[in-house]
Amino acid sequence: MSDQVSDEPTEWPTHCPQCGTRLVSAVVDFDKTNEDRPEMRPGEMAAVDYCPNPDCPSHQQPVGPEDAPGA
């Protein structure tokens, strides 16, 4: 891992690359024994951006070998 720090701003996507819908942010807690609380606990939680559009192609996951690309 690099210890170099860059002054260049990081550009995060704001819209889904598949359908163009504006992304929504959420926090996922990996430790289900934690109480429901608003603060972020690194190592136990992750902040994620996701597409809220239920019809977005990014939500279509293969279910079997016949669904794999080129099958």
C-alpha atoms as a PDB file:
ATOM      1  CA  MET A   1       0.000   0.000   0.000  1.00  0.00           C
ATOM      2  CA  SER A   2       1.304   3.435  -0.870  1.00  0.00           C
ATOM      3  CA  ASP A   3       1.725   6.170   1.730  1.00  0.00           C
ATOM      4  CA  GLN A   4       1.707   8.900  -0.902  1.00  0.00           C
ATOM      5  CA  VAL A   5      -0.936  11.576  -0.473  1.00  0.00           C
ATOM      6  CA  SER A   6      -2.315  13.442  -3.445  1.00  0.00           C
ATOM      7  CA  ASP A   7      -3.768  16.939  -3.419  1.00  0.00           C
ATOM      8  CA  GLU A   8      -5.890  16.100  -6.464  1.00  0.00           C
ATOM      9  CA  PRO A   9      -9.575  15.851  -5.613  1.00  0.00           C
ATOM     10  CA  THR A  10     -11.120  12.418  -6.017  1.00  0.00           C
ATOM     11  CA  GLU A  11     -14.154  12.412  -8.270  1.00  0.00           C
ATOM     12  CA  TRP A  12     -16.827   9.997  -7.081  1.00  0.00           C
ATOM     13  CA  PRO A  13     -19.611   8.975  -9.446  1.00  0.00           C
ATOM     14  CA  THR A  14     -22.973  10.554  -8.651  1.00  0.00           C
ATOM     15  CA  HIS A  15     -25.040   8.634 -11.202  1.00  0.00           C
ATOM     16  CA  CYS A  16     -25.299   4.934 -12.080  1.00  0.00           C
ATOM     17  CA  PRO A  17     -23.094   4.068 -15.076  1.00  0.00           C
ATOM     18  CA  GLN A  18     -25.698   1.520 -16.239  1.00  0.00           C
ATOM     19  CA  CYS A  19     -28.941   3.527 -16.204  1.00  0.00           C
ATOM     20  CA  GLY A  20     -28.022   7.106 -15.214  1.00  0.00           C
ATOM     21  CA  THR A  21     -30.116   7.185 -12.016  1.00  0.00           C
ATOM     22  CA  ARG A  22     -28.686   9.337  -9.205  1.00  0.00           C
ATOM     23  CA  LEU A  23     -26.891   7.090  -6.689  1.00  0.00           C
ATOM     24  CA  VAL A  24     -28.036   6.797  -3.056  1.00  0.00           C
ATOM     25  CA  SER A  25     -25.686   6.363  -0.066  1.00  0.00           C
ATOM     26  CA  ALA A  26     -26.119   3.915   2.797  1.00  0.00           C
ATOM     27  CA  VAL A  27     -24.106   2.388   5.628  1.00  0.00           C
ATOM     28  CA  VAL A  28     -23.862  -1.396   5.869  1.00  0.00           C
ATOM     29  CA  ASP A  29     -23.157  -2.875   9.308  1.00  0.00           C
ATOM     30  CA  PHE A  30     -21.344  -6.212   9.053  1.00  0.00           C
ATOM     31  CA  ASP A  31     -21.712  -6.973  12.765  1.00  0.00           C
ATOM     32  CA  LYS A  32     -25.390  -7.734  13.327  1.00  0.00           C
ATOM     33  CA  THR A  33     -24.879  -7.703  17.117  1.00  0.00           C
ATOM     34  CA  ASN A  34     -24.218  -3.933  17.072  1.00  0.00           C
ATOM     35  CA  GLU A  35     -26.906  -1.603  18.321  1.00  0.00           C
ATOM     36  CA  ASP A  36     -28.551   0.588  15.689  1.00  0.00           C
ATOM     37  CA  ARG A  37     -26.647   3.857  16.060  1.00  0.00           C
ATOM     38  CA  PRO A  38     -25.786   6.687  13.711  1.00  0.00           C
ATOM     39  CA  GLU A  39     -21.974   6.726  13.953  1.00  0.00           C
ATOM     40  CA  MET A  40     -19.737   4.932  11.504  1.00  0.00           C
ATOM     41  CA  ARG A  41     -17.461   2.262  13.021  1.00  0.00           C
ATOM     42  CA  PRO A  42     -14.579   1.502  10.620  1.00  0.00           C
ATOM     43  CA  GLY A  43     -13.842  -2.205  10.338  1.00  0.00           C
ATOM     44  CA  GLU A  44     -17.426  -3.105  11.225  1.00  0.00           C
ATOM     45  CA  MET A  45     -19.274  -0.897   8.767  1.00  0.00           C
ATOM     46  CA  ALA A  46     -18.914   0.280   5.184  1.00  0.00           C
ATOM     47  CA  ALA A  47     -20.370   3.294   3.414  1.00  0.00           C
ATOM     48  CA  VAL A  48     -21.688   2.377  -0.041  1.00  0.00           C
ATOM     49  CA  ASP A  49     -23.330   4.134  -2.973  1.00  0.00           C
ATOM     50  CA  TYR A  50     -25.916   2.147  -4.903  1.00  0.00           C
ATOM     51  CA  CYS A  51     -28.474   2.536  -7.653  1.00  0.00           C
ATOM     52  CA  PRO A  52     -32.022   2.649  -6.236  1.00  0.00           C
ATOM     53  CA  ASN A  53     -33.614   1.860  -9.616  1.00  0.00           C
ATOM     54  CA  PRO A  54     -35.089  -1.681  -9.329  1.00  0.00           C
ATOM     55  CA  ASP A  55     -35.100  -2.045 -13.133  1.00  0.00           C
ATOM     56  CA  CYS A  56     -31.410  -1.153 -13.512  1.00  0.00           C
ATOM     57  CA  PRO A  57     -29.351  -3.732 -15.436  1.00  0.00           C
ATOM     58  CA  SER A  58     -26.740  -3.607 -12.643  1.00  0.00           C
ATOM     59  CA  HIS A  59     -29.218  -5.489 -10.413  1.00  0.00           C
ATOM     60  CA  GLN A  60     -29.498  -8.391 -12.872  1.00  0.00           C
ATOM     61  CA  GLN A  61     -27.171 -11.088 -11.531  1.00  0.00           C
ATOM     62  CA  PRO A  62     -26.475 -14.423 -13.197  1.00  0.00           C
ATOM     63  CA  VAL A  63     -28.210 -17.325 -11.468  1.00  0.00           C
ATOM     64  CA  GLY A  64     -26.519 -20.197 -13.252  1.00  0.00           C
ATOM     65  CA  PRO A  65     -23.841 -21.176 -15.785  1.00  0.00           C
ATOM     66  CA  GLU A  66     -26.282 -20.662 -18.669  1.00  0.00           C
ATOM     67  CA  ASP A  67     -26.507 -16.944 -17.708  1.00  0.00           C
ATOM     68  CA  ALA A  68     -22.761 -16.362 -17.974  1.00  0.00           C
ATOM     69  CA  PRO A  69     -21.566 -14.060 -20.793  1.00  0.00           C
ATOM     70  CA  GLY A  70     -20.932 -16.045 -23.968  1.00  0.00           C
ATOM     71  CA  ALA A  71     -22.970 -19.023 -22.821  1.00  0.00           C
END
